[in-house]
Each structure stands twice: as structure tokens, then as C-alpha cells.
């Protein structure tokens, strides 16, 4: 019984591995074909247009609303930053 279970497990893993390799090969062929087409266009003198999302180098400078608070403003002070006279009072 244990031998049959192990055989089934190894078979399932082998099938999953083969399917994963086939998927990788198909994706690689598609990417290679796309690169060859882009290369042919560049060789012909065409310049590929870059999408607008990739042109933005840094985020826009939007200021937070006037009522918005910064999360670090609500932090409690560290233990060492409390004056000694207050530490003894507690």
C-alpha cells in the first residue's frame, strides 16, 4: 500500500514538473518572438513608444490635507528620553 502511494505521489510530481517546464518553454518562446519583432522594428528605424506609466520618475508632490496627522507624531517618547525626575515619580 505504501509503495503504491509513493508511486502515485512521484507520478503526480513528475506530471506537474513536466507541465511547468512546458509552460516555461511556451512563455520563453513568446517572449523571444516579441523581442525579435521589437528588434526588427528598431532595425527598420521605428522607435518603440514607452507607456505613460513608466515615464513618471518620481511620485507627484501632493501635500496631505490640513487635518491629516503624521503617524509618527503620536508615538510615545522612548524610555531613555524621559527626564530622571519624572521616572522616579511613577
Protein backbone atom coordinates (compact mmCIF):
# COMPACT_ATOMS: atom_id res chain seq x y z
CA UNK A 1 0.00 0.00 0.00
CA UNK A 2 2.79 2.39 0.90
CA UNK A 3 4.64 1.56 -2.32
CA UNK A 4 1.56 2.36 -4.41
CA UNK A 5 1.07 5.65 -2.57
CA UNK A 6 4.66 6.67 -3.16
CA UNK A 7 4.42 5.66 -6.82
CA UNK A 8 1.31 7.81 -7.26
CA UNK A 9 2.97 10.72 -5.46
CA UNK A 10 6.09 10.53 -7.62
CA UNK A 11 3.93 10.28 -10.76
CA UNK A 12 1.90 13.36 -9.80
CA UNK A 13 5.07 15.32 -9.05
CA UNK A 14 6.60 14.25 -12.38
CA UNK A 15 3.48 15.32 -14.30
CA UNK A 16 3.42 18.69 -12.51
CA UNK A 17 7.10 19.21 -13.29
CA UNK A 18 6.63 18.40 -16.97
CA UNK A 19 3.65 20.76 -17.23
CA UNK A 20 5.64 23.52 -15.52
CA UNK A 21 8.53 23.05 -17.93
CA UNK A 22 6.17 23.14 -20.92
CA UNK A 23 4.63 26.36 -19.61
CA UNK A 24 8.07 27.93 -19.17
CA UNK A 25 9.12 26.93 -22.69
CA UNK A 26 5.95 28.40 -24.22
CA UNK A 27 6.36 31.65 -22.31
CA UNK A 28 10.02 31.87 -23.30
CA UNK A 29 9.19 31.33 -26.96
CA UNK A 30 6.55 34.05 -26.79
CA UNK A 31 8.95 36.49 -25.13
CA UNK A 32 11.69 35.65 -27.65
CA UNK A 33 9.31 36.25 -30.54
CA UNK A 34 8.28 39.58 -29.06
CA UNK A 35 11.91 40.61 -28.66
CA UNK A 36 12.68 39.61 -32.25
CA UNK A 37 9.74 41.70 -33.52
CA UNK A 38 10.86 44.71 -31.46
CA UNK A 39 14.41 44.27 -32.71
CA UNK A 40 13.21 44.19 -36.30
CA UNK A 41 11.22 47.39 -35.76
CA UNK A 42 14.22 49.15 -34.21
CA UNK A 43 16.45 47.98 -37.08
CA UNK A 44 13.89 49.42 -39.52
CA UNK A 45 14.08 52.80 -37.80
CA UNK A 46 10.96 52.76 -35.69
CA UNK A 47 11.26 53.86 -32.07
CA UNK A 48 9.08 51.95 -29.61
CA UNK A 49 6.69 54.17 -27.68
CA UNK A 50 7.02 53.93 -23.91
CA UNK A 51 3.84 53.70 -21.86
CA UNK A 52 2.92 56.78 -19.85
CA UNK A 53 3.10 54.93 -16.54
CA UNK A 54 6.78 54.15 -16.97
CA UNK A 55 7.67 57.76 -17.80
CA UNK A 56 6.94 59.04 -14.29
CA UNK A 57 10.27 59.04 -12.49
CA UNK A 58 9.07 60.08 -9.03
CA UNK A 59 5.70 60.41 -7.32
CA UNK A 60 3.76 63.62 -7.63
CA UNK A 61 4.22 66.16 -4.86
CA UNK A 62 0.76 66.13 -3.34
CA UNK A 63 0.52 67.60 0.13
CA UNK A 64 -1.68 65.87 2.72
CA UNK A 65 -4.88 67.60 3.81
CA UNK A 66 -4.61 70.21 6.56
CA UNK A 67 -6.28 67.99 9.16
CA UNK A 68 -4.15 64.94 8.42
CA UNK A 69 -1.71 63.93 11.11
CA UNK A 70 1.55 62.14 10.67
CA UNK A 71 1.68 58.66 12.19
CA UNK A 72 4.99 59.30 13.94
CA UNK A 73 3.61 62.35 15.78
CA UNK A 74 1.52 60.11 18.05
CA UNK A 75 4.39 57.90 19.22
CA UNK A 76 5.29 57.87 22.87
CA UNK A 77 8.76 59.04 23.84
CA UNK A 78 11.43 56.43 24.42
CA UNK A 79 12.22 55.30 27.92
CA UNK A 80 15.61 56.99 27.94
CA UNK A 81 14.22 60.33 26.76
CA UNK A 82 12.00 60.81 29.85
CA UNK A 83 13.67 63.11 32.40
CA UNK A 84 15.00 61.44 35.55
CA UNK A 85 12.72 63.40 37.89
CA UNK A 86 9.64 62.05 36.07
CA UNK A 87 10.95 58.48 36.10
CA UNK A 88 11.18 58.45 39.89
CA UNK A 89 7.65 59.84 40.30
CA UNK A 90 5.96 56.90 38.64
